Amino acid sequence: MSALYDPEALAIEAVLKLDEVLKNTLGATKCKSLARRASELPQLVSQAGLLQATLFYLSKSDDKLLPELAKALRGGKPSIEKKSLEDECGKEGKGYTLGLALLSYALTQLAEKGLLSAASEECKSLGDPRSIAKCLLSLRENRLELSAEKLLEPYLNAVKRLADALHREREQER
């Protein structure tokens, strides 16, 4: 990978920013649903494609929490309700908003670095369902979906490993 885009460093940065949100909002950084969704996402993207995987996560995400997580990942001050984040981290079948926030952050970074060429403008400011859908459409229309998948693959795998290391529920913790 070029010095312009370091997927592993970007993954570490993103997961640590998300951990900071968890710590500031919940007082803890354990979020088992983050480990679960981060673990599933690379394989889903590989098998179903970026568009289908993202749409699936989008269909399961929290529309109010997503923009706030996106704001936090971009360095802003989010306004997140504790209950909303507790549900996202603790309830079975949740965590999709966290995974989607991490994925959309990476797409934004790729676009800002000009690595998505014709789709870059549509993908520069992702944080809500409509902007993500527009980005996906632009990637598809400009035949950049496979290129984006290749660029995202090492990022998603690094997120998977780090989220697993930081958030997986281990036997001795139960």
Protein backbone atom coordinates (compact mmCIF):
# COMPACT_ATOMS: atom_id res chain seq x y z
CA MET A 1 0.00 0.00 0.00
CA SER A 2 1.15 3.50 -0.66
CA ALA A 3 2.14 5.97 2.02
CA LEU A 4 -1.00 7.82 0.99
CA TYR A 5 -3.21 5.08 2.46
CA ASP A 6 -2.12 2.88 5.34
CA PRO A 7 -5.10 0.60 6.04
CA GLU A 8 -3.71 -0.91 9.22
CA ALA A 9 -2.90 2.48 10.77
CA LEU A 10 -6.33 3.75 9.73
CA ALA A 11 -7.98 0.72 11.36
CA ILE A 12 -6.09 1.24 14.61
CA GLU A 13 -6.99 4.94 14.60
CA ALA A 14 -10.67 4.24 13.93
CA VAL A 15 -11.07 1.49 16.55
CA LEU A 16 -9.27 3.58 19.17
CA LYS A 17 -11.53 6.56 18.42
CA LEU A 18 -14.56 4.31 18.78
CA ASP A 19 -13.14 2.96 22.04
CA GLU A 20 -12.86 6.53 23.31
CA VAL A 21 -16.55 7.08 22.54
CA LEU A 22 -17.43 3.86 24.40
CA LYS A 23 -15.32 4.89 27.38
CA ASN A 24 -16.71 8.43 27.50
CA THR A 25 -20.32 7.34 27.05
CA LEU A 26 -20.49 4.03 28.89
CA GLY A 27 -17.50 4.26 31.21
CA ALA A 28 -16.09 1.06 29.71
CA THR A 29 -14.65 -0.05 26.42
CA LYS A 30 -15.94 -3.64 26.17
CA CYS A 31 -18.47 -4.04 23.40
CA LYS A 32 -18.95 -7.66 22.39
CA SER A 33 -21.22 -6.82 19.47
CA LEU A 34 -18.42 -4.73 17.95
CA ALA A 35 -16.12 -7.76 17.96
CA ARG A 36 -18.87 -9.90 16.45
CA ARG A 37 -19.80 -7.49 13.62
CA ALA A 38 -16.17 -6.55 12.88
CA SER A 39 -15.43 -10.26 12.60
CA GLU A 40 -18.27 -10.88 10.12
CA LEU A 41 -17.84 -7.85 7.87
CA PRO A 42 -14.68 -8.77 5.90
CA GLN A 43 -16.10 -12.15 4.91
CA LEU A 44 -19.49 -10.67 4.04
CA VAL A 45 -17.83 -8.06 1.79
CA SER A 46 -15.73 -10.79 0.18
CA GLN A 47 -18.69 -13.09 -0.44
CA ALA A 48 -21.56 -10.73 -1.21
CA GLY A 49 -19.69 -7.63 -2.39
CA LEU A 50 -19.30 -4.19 -0.88
CA LEU A 51 -22.68 -2.91 -2.00
CA GLN A 52 -24.71 -5.84 -0.63
CA ALA A 53 -22.73 -6.07 2.61
CA THR A 54 -23.07 -2.34 3.26
CA LEU A 55 -26.77 -2.34 2.44
CA PHE A 56 -27.28 -5.25 4.86
CA TYR A 57 -25.50 -3.41 7.68
CA LEU A 58 -27.37 -0.22 6.74
CA SER A 59 -30.73 -2.02 7.02
CA LYS A 60 -29.86 -3.09 10.57
CA SER A 61 -28.27 0.15 11.77
CA ASP A 62 -29.58 2.83 14.13
CA ASP A 63 -30.30 5.99 12.07
CA LYS A 64 -29.78 8.30 15.05
CA LEU A 65 -26.62 6.70 16.38
CA LEU A 66 -24.82 6.39 13.03
CA PRO A 67 -24.31 10.14 12.39
CA GLU A 68 -23.03 10.63 15.93
CA LEU A 69 -20.52 7.79 15.60
CA ALA A 70 -19.43 9.19 12.24
CA LYS A 71 -18.94 12.60 13.86
CA ALA A 72 -16.81 11.03 16.59
CA LEU A 73 -14.65 9.16 14.08
CA ARG A 74 -14.05 12.44 12.23
CA GLY A 75 -12.87 14.02 15.49
CA GLY A 76 -16.04 15.88 16.38
CA LYS A 77 -17.94 15.92 19.66
CA PRO A 78 -20.80 13.43 19.38
CA SER A 79 -24.09 13.63 21.22
CA ILE A 80 -24.79 10.00 22.01
CA GLU A 81 -27.47 8.73 24.35
CA LYS A 82 -26.04 6.22 26.79
CA LYS A 83 -29.03 3.86 26.36
CA SER A 84 -28.62 3.82 22.58
CA LEU A 85 -24.95 2.84 22.82
CA GLU A 86 -25.66 0.32 25.60
CA ASP A 87 -28.24 -1.35 23.35
CA GLU A 88 -25.83 -1.34 20.40
CA CYS A 89 -23.11 -2.99 22.47
CA GLY A 90 -25.10 -5.35 24.62
CA LYS A 91 -28.20 -6.60 22.87
CA GLU A 92 -28.15 -9.72 20.74
CA GLY A 93 -28.41 -8.93 17.04
CA LYS A 94 -26.89 -5.47 17.42
CA GLY A 95 -23.55 -3.88 16.57
CA TYR A 96 -24.31 -3.19 12.93
CA THR A 97 -24.19 0.58 13.45
CA LEU A 98 -20.69 0.30 14.91
CA GLY A 99 -19.50 -1.82 11.98
CA LEU A 100 -21.12 0.50 9.46
CA ALA A 101 -19.55 3.56 11.11
CA LEU A 102 -16.10 1.97 10.79
CA LEU A 103 -16.72 0.99 7.16
CA SER A 104 -18.07 4.41 6.17
CA TYR A 105 -15.12 6.10 7.90
CA ALA A 106 -12.71 4.12 5.74
CA LEU A 107 -14.67 4.95 2.58
CA THR A 108 -14.54 8.63 3.55
CA GLN A 109 -10.78 8.43 4.05
CA LEU A 110 -10.31 6.72 0.67
CA ALA A 111 -12.40 9.41 -1.00
CA GLU A 112 -10.55 12.26 0.72
CA LYS A 113 -7.26 10.79 -0.51
CA GLY A 114 -8.65 10.64 -4.05
CA LEU A 115 -8.40 6.85 -4.21
CA LEU A 116 -12.00 6.41 -5.36
CA SER A 117 -11.51 8.68 -8.39
CA ALA A 118 -14.88 9.49 -9.97
CA ALA A 119 -16.82 8.48 -6.83
CA SER A 120 -14.68 10.53 -4.45
CA GLU A 121 -17.02 13.51 -4.17
CA GLU A 122 -20.03 11.37 -3.26
CA CYS A 123 -18.03 9.45 -0.66
CA LYS A 124 -16.24 12.28 1.15
CA SER A 125 -18.74 12.95 3.90
CA LEU A 126 -20.47 9.77 4.99
CA GLY A 127 -22.41 9.57 8.21
CA ASP A 128 -26.06 8.99 7.48
CA PRO A 129 -27.93 6.35 5.47
CA ARG A 130 -28.64 8.65 2.51
CA SER A 131 -24.99 9.72 2.07
CA ILE A 132 -23.83 6.10 2.30
CA ALA A 133 -26.40 5.05 -0.31
CA LYS A 134 -25.25 7.86 -2.65
CA CYS A 135 -21.64 6.77 -2.23
CA LEU A 136 -22.52 3.15 -3.02
CA LEU A 137 -24.47 4.22 -6.10
CA SER A 138 -21.55 6.33 -7.29
CA LEU A 139 -19.13 3.43 -6.76
CA ARG A 140 -21.41 1.15 -8.76
CA GLU A 141 -22.06 3.65 -11.57
CA ASN A 142 -18.34 4.37 -11.93
CA ARG A 143 -17.40 0.67 -11.77
CA LEU A 144 -15.29 1.26 -8.67
CA GLU A 145 -16.94 -1.20 -6.30
CA LEU A 146 -14.26 -3.90 -6.80
CA SER A 147 -11.45 -1.35 -6.47
CA ALA A 148 -12.96 -0.09 -3.22
CA GLU A 149 -13.30 -3.67 -1.95
CA LYS A 150 -9.60 -4.33 -2.64
CA LEU A 151 -8.61 -1.13 -0.85
CA LEU A 152 -10.91 -1.90 2.10
CA GLU A 153 -9.90 -5.55 2.56
CA PRO A 154 -6.73 -4.96 4.64
CA TYR A 155 -8.52 -2.25 6.66
CA LEU A 156 -11.48 -4.50 7.47
CA ASN A 157 -9.19 -7.37 8.42
CA ALA A 158 -7.17 -5.10 10.72
CA VAL A 159 -10.39 -3.78 12.31
CA LYS A 160 -11.50 -7.39 12.78
CA ARG A 161 -8.27 -8.36 14.55
CA LEU A 162 -8.13 -5.28 16.76
CA ALA A 163 -11.83 -5.35 17.68
CA ASP A 164 -11.43 -9.03 18.56
CA ALA A 165 -8.41 -8.29 20.73
CA LEU A 166 -10.10 -5.41 22.55
CA HIS A 167 -13.75 -6.50 22.71
CA ARG A 168 -14.06 -10.25 22.50
CA GLU A 169 -15.57 -11.84 25.55
CA ARG A 170 -13.01 -14.30 26.85
CA GLU A 171 -13.74 -17.33 28.97
CA GLN A 172 -12.13 -15.92 32.14
CA GLU A 173 -14.21 -12.70 31.85
CA ARG A 174 -17.59 -14.44 31.93
